[in-house]
Every structure is written in C-alpha cells, then in structure tokens.
Amino acid sequence: GTPHTRRTTYYDMIELIRDFLGADPSGKTDRVAKRAIAAALREVANAHRWTYLQTHTRLTTNASYNTGTATFTLGSLTVTGSGTTWTAAMVGRKIALGQGGIYYRIATRVSNTEITIAEVYAEATATASAYVIYQDEYDLAATTHSIEQANLIDAYGSPELVLCEQRQVARYGFAGTFTGRPFAACVTTSTTVGTPRIQIVPAPDAIYRLSFRY
C-alpha cells in the first residue's frame, strides 16, 4: 500500500526550533521562532499566484451624507441634528465637521436627529454646524488572504484601482481628506476581529461598484 506521510504542522516547526536552540524559560525563543515562520510563510504566499484559490467579490459603496446641520458638544458622546435623516445603516461610518477634518466613528443611531459616537468629542463645541458622514472602509470576506486586483465598474469601463499599503495612504494624507471617484485601495485595520477590511481612496462621493479578485 501507499506509505503514510506525516505532515509537519506549525507546532511541529516550533518544537523543532525549540529543540535546536534549547529551552528558554523566558519564552523569547518561541516568539522569535513564530516571527521567523510567519515571515517565511508570507514569502511563500507572495511567491506564487495560487490561482486555484482565487475568487471574485463585488461591493457597492455608499455616498457621503451632509443634509441639515449637526451639533457636537465638547466631552459628549451625543451628536444632535437638525433637518437630518440619520439611519441605522450609518452605524460604523465616520462623521466630521468637514471632509478631511478629525473624524469620529458612529456607534449607535438613536433617531433621525440623534446619534452617538464611539469616543467623546474632543474638539470645541460646534453648534448647528455643517458636517459630513462618509464611508471609506468596507468589510471583505473572512477568507480574504490578499487582494490580487481591484477594479471600478462604471460606464467608462473597468479601470484598475491602484493597490497600496495603508501606511502609504496615511503618509500622503489621502485617507478621508476628499471625496470623489475611487482610484486606489488598501487593506486597513479591521474593526471586527477576523473580518478583513478595505479602505477606498478617495472617500466615495456617490454609489460605485467595485470588483475584487482575492
């Protein structure tokens, strides 16, 4: 019959490195080993296209919202609106006095004219002020390991989005500073453990359809 071949697991590799380097009560050996194995796995993952594991998904962006006015109070979690129609779908989006300003994430929707934010408002009180609610971050499938390609689907064709790193977006001040037709994307910090998240640049000013190969 066919001989049984035992596969070396992640924990087997840790044990092999521990045996080679010797016991370390501080746990430093294990930490170094795990970092080294993780780095090696990333190299293997990036060295091949793994086409049989690739699939497609699409997402639809949300337009920014700035109808009416909003009152932000220093030290408060509550934001009140006038002439607004704030919906439950806005929970998780960002709100700011203006595009590119300091943003706060919406935690709950109380009514059409009242929401709470995830952290207390730390700027000077703004009464009956212009504001904007926008969404430039979207969840991806939990199985997403890496994004191979992203495209904008519209009447002009399917232009490819530039895929970049989050630090590049932050360094050049692109994140949330302006709205418009998306031209770039990057994987960003997850708000839910285990759920990958993508950031769209610029923050979409309308409803767009995006296609991802991952």
Protein backbone atom coordinates (compact mmCIF):
# COMPACT_ATOMS: atom_id res chain seq x y z
CA GLY A 1 0.00 0.00 0.00
CA THR A 2 0.93 3.68 -0.13
CA PRO A 3 3.14 4.64 2.82
CA HIS A 4 1.65 7.21 5.15
CA THR A 5 3.49 10.53 5.10
CA ARG A 6 3.06 12.66 8.20
CA ARG A 7 2.70 16.39 7.53
CA THR A 8 4.79 18.80 9.56
CA THR A 9 2.49 21.21 11.35
CA TYR A 10 3.12 24.74 12.56
CA TYR A 11 3.56 23.46 16.11
CA ASP A 12 5.97 20.75 14.90
CA MET A 13 8.16 23.51 13.46
CA ILE A 14 8.07 25.41 16.75
CA GLU A 15 9.16 22.25 18.59
CA LEU A 16 11.99 21.62 16.12
CA ILE A 17 13.32 25.18 16.56
CA ARG A 18 12.94 24.92 20.35
CA ASP A 19 14.87 21.63 20.39
CA PHE A 20 17.60 23.11 18.18
CA LEU A 21 18.05 26.32 20.18
CA GLY A 22 17.42 24.83 23.60
CA ALA A 23 14.88 25.56 26.31
CA ASP A 24 14.20 29.21 27.12
CA PRO A 25 12.07 29.88 30.23
CA SER A 26 11.50 33.49 29.14
CA GLY A 27 9.64 32.37 26.01
CA LYS A 28 11.84 34.52 23.75
CA THR A 29 12.81 31.52 21.63
CA ASP A 30 9.18 30.73 20.83
CA ARG A 31 8.45 34.36 19.93
CA VAL A 32 11.43 34.56 17.60
CA ALA A 33 10.51 31.22 16.01
CA LYS A 34 6.93 32.30 15.39
CA ARG A 35 8.03 35.54 13.76
CA ALA A 36 10.51 33.68 11.55
CA ILE A 37 7.90 31.10 10.46
CA ALA A 38 5.33 33.83 9.78
CA ALA A 39 7.84 35.74 7.63
CA ALA A 40 8.68 32.56 5.69
CA LEU A 41 5.01 31.80 5.10
CA ARG A 42 4.44 35.32 3.75
CA GLU A 43 7.30 34.83 1.31
CA VAL A 44 5.82 31.55 0.10
CA ALA A 45 2.36 33.10 -0.21
CA ASN A 46 3.67 36.04 -2.24
CA ALA A 47 5.94 33.92 -4.44
CA HIS A 48 3.07 32.09 -6.14
CA ARG A 49 -0.21 33.20 -7.69
CA TRP A 50 -2.24 30.30 -6.22
CA THR A 51 -4.80 30.72 -9.00
CA TYR A 52 -6.92 27.78 -7.84
CA LEU A 53 -7.52 29.59 -4.54
CA GLN A 54 -8.52 32.90 -6.15
CA THR A 55 -12.10 34.10 -6.35
CA HIS A 56 -14.04 37.30 -7.02
CA THR A 57 -16.32 39.50 -4.99
CA ARG A 58 -18.06 42.82 -5.52
CA LEU A 59 -19.07 45.62 -3.20
CA THR A 60 -21.17 48.74 -3.56
CA THR A 61 -20.02 51.95 -1.92
CA ASN A 62 -22.17 54.49 -0.10
CA ALA A 63 -22.39 58.16 -0.95
CA SER A 64 -21.44 60.77 1.64
CA TYR A 65 -24.30 62.48 3.52
CA ASN A 66 -24.42 66.10 4.69
CA THR A 67 -28.07 67.10 4.81
CA GLY A 68 -29.04 69.53 7.60
CA THR A 69 -26.76 70.59 10.43
CA ALA A 70 -25.22 68.86 13.46
CA THR A 71 -24.28 69.94 16.98
CA PHE A 72 -21.14 68.46 18.56
CA THR A 73 -20.53 69.11 22.26
CA LEU A 74 -17.10 69.02 23.87
CA GLY A 75 -16.83 65.95 26.15
CA SER A 76 -20.07 64.36 24.90
CA LEU A 77 -20.82 61.17 23.01
CA THR A 78 -24.09 62.55 21.65
CA VAL A 79 -24.41 64.37 18.34
CA THR A 80 -27.75 66.02 17.58
CA GLY A 81 -29.01 67.01 14.17
CA SER A 82 -31.47 69.42 12.65
CA GLY A 83 -33.08 68.63 9.31
CA THR A 84 -31.27 65.28 9.25
CA THR A 85 -32.43 61.77 8.48
CA TRP A 86 -29.79 59.62 10.10
CA THR A 87 -30.33 55.90 9.58
CA ALA A 88 -29.20 52.66 11.23
CA ALA A 89 -27.13 51.93 8.10
CA MET A 90 -24.83 54.81 9.08
CA VAL A 91 -23.55 53.00 12.18
CA GLY A 92 -19.85 52.32 11.69
CA ARG A 93 -19.35 55.19 9.26
CA LYS A 94 -17.32 58.31 10.01
CA ILE A 95 -18.67 61.76 10.89
CA ALA A 96 -16.69 65.00 10.83
CA LEU A 97 -17.27 68.74 10.68
CA GLY A 98 -15.89 68.65 7.17
CA GLN A 99 -14.22 66.27 4.74
CA GLY A 100 -10.63 65.86 5.84
CA GLY A 101 -11.36 67.03 9.39
CA ILE A 102 -10.97 64.97 12.55
CA TYR A 103 -13.50 62.15 12.29
CA TYR A 104 -15.43 60.11 14.84
CA ARG A 105 -16.95 56.71 14.20
CA ILE A 106 -20.71 56.45 14.62
CA ALA A 107 -21.51 53.93 17.37
CA THR A 108 -25.34 53.97 17.53
CA ARG A 109 -28.29 55.60 15.84
CA VAL A 110 -30.90 56.83 18.32
CA SER A 111 -33.22 58.64 15.91
CA ASN A 112 -33.25 60.62 12.68
CA THR A 113 -31.73 63.52 14.61
CA GLU A 114 -29.53 61.84 17.23
CA ILE A 115 -26.54 59.53 17.10
CA THR A 116 -23.74 58.59 19.49
CA ILE A 117 -20.07 58.40 18.59
CA ALA A 118 -17.53 55.80 19.71
CA GLU A 119 -15.39 58.25 21.71
CA VAL A 120 -16.19 61.56 23.37
CA TYR A 121 -15.98 64.64 21.18
CA ALA A 122 -12.65 66.31 22.00
CA GLU A 123 -12.82 69.49 19.92
CA ALA A 124 -14.50 72.83 20.63
CA THR A 125 -18.30 72.67 20.72
CA ALA A 126 -19.83 73.23 17.28
CA THR A 127 -23.50 74.25 17.22
CA ALA A 128 -25.73 73.82 14.17
CA SER A 129 -22.65 73.18 12.07
CA ALA A 130 -22.12 71.81 8.60
CA TYR A 131 -20.89 68.21 8.76
CA VAL A 132 -20.33 65.12 6.65
CA ILE A 133 -20.96 61.41 7.17
CA TYR A 134 -18.93 59.19 4.87
CA GLN A 135 -17.76 55.61 4.47
CA ASP A 136 -14.35 54.85 3.03
CA GLU A 137 -13.84 51.44 4.74
CA TYR A 138 -15.66 48.25 3.82
CA ASP A 139 -15.55 44.67 5.12
CA LEU A 140 -14.28 41.86 2.90
CA ALA A 141 -14.90 38.13 3.03
CA ALA A 142 -13.36 36.44 6.07
CA THR A 143 -11.44 34.12 3.72
CA THR A 144 -9.53 37.02 2.10
CA HIS A 145 -5.78 36.43 2.39
CA SER A 146 -4.61 39.06 -0.07
CA ILE A 147 -6.12 41.22 -2.81
CA GLU A 148 -4.73 40.48 -6.26
CA GLN A 149 -6.67 43.05 -8.27
CA ALA A 150 -9.36 45.70 -7.78
CA ASN A 151 -11.47 47.37 -10.46
CA LEU A 152 -14.04 50.14 -10.58
CA ILE A 153 -17.05 49.12 -12.63
CA ASP A 154 -18.82 52.04 -14.30
CA ALA A 155 -19.98 53.42 -17.63
CA TYR A 156 -16.39 54.20 -18.64
CA GLY A 157 -15.26 50.58 -18.41
CA SER A 158 -13.40 48.78 -15.62
CA PRO A 159 -10.33 50.83 -14.71
CA GLU A 160 -8.00 49.09 -12.30
CA LEU A 161 -7.53 50.61 -8.85
CA VAL A 162 -4.02 51.16 -7.51
CA LEU A 163 -3.38 48.73 -4.64
CA CYS A 164 -1.18 50.27 -1.97
CA GLU A 165 -0.28 49.87 1.69
CA GLN A 166 -2.14 51.60 4.49
CA ARG A 167 0.99 53.46 5.59
CA GLN A 168 1.30 54.98 2.11
CA VAL A 169 -2.27 56.26 2.25
CA ALA A 170 -1.69 57.70 5.73
CA ARG A 171 1.70 59.21 4.85
CA TYR A 172 0.36 61.25 1.96
CA GLY A 173 -2.83 62.25 3.77
CA PHE A 174 -5.20 60.61 1.29
CA ALA A 175 -7.43 58.85 3.83
CA GLY A 176 -10.77 60.64 4.05
CA THR A 177 -9.36 64.04 3.08
CA PHE A 178 -11.50 64.37 -0.04
CA THR A 179 -14.29 62.61 -1.89
CA GLY A 180 -14.61 61.53 -5.47
CA ARG A 181 -14.35 58.64 -7.90
CA PRO A 182 -12.23 55.84 -6.36
CA PHE A 183 -8.77 55.34 -7.85
CA ALA A 184 -6.92 53.39 -5.13
CA ALA A 185 -7.47 50.91 -2.30
CA CYS A 186 -5.55 49.42 0.59
CA VAL A 187 -6.13 46.81 3.28
CA THR A 188 -6.78 48.65 6.54
CA THR A 189 -7.23 47.87 10.23
CA SER A 190 -10.21 45.65 10.97
CA THR A 191 -12.97 46.89 13.26
CA THR A 192 -14.19 43.32 13.80
CA VAL A 193 -11.67 40.59 14.67
CA GLY A 194 -11.35 38.10 11.83
CA THR A 195 -13.01 40.35 9.24
CA PRO A 196 -10.58 41.86 6.69
CA ARG A 197 -11.29 45.47 5.74
CA ILE A 198 -10.50 47.59 2.69
CA GLN A 199 -10.10 51.37 2.53
CA ILE A 200 -11.16 53.20 -0.63
CA VAL A 201 -9.35 56.34 -1.83
CA PRO A 202 -10.79 58.88 -2.12
CA ALA A 203 -13.85 58.51 0.10
CA PRO A 204 -16.65 57.70 -2.39
CA ASP A 205 -18.87 60.69 -3.16
CA ALA A 206 -21.54 58.51 -4.78
CA ILE A 207 -22.59 54.89 -5.23
CA TYR A 208 -19.90 52.92 -7.06
CA ARG A 209 -19.48 49.24 -7.80
CA LEU A 210 -16.08 47.67 -7.18
CA SER A 211 -14.80 44.25 -8.16
CA PHE A 212 -12.07 42.43 -6.20
CA ARG A 213 -10.04 39.37 -7.12
CA TYR A 214 -8.61 37.88 -3.96
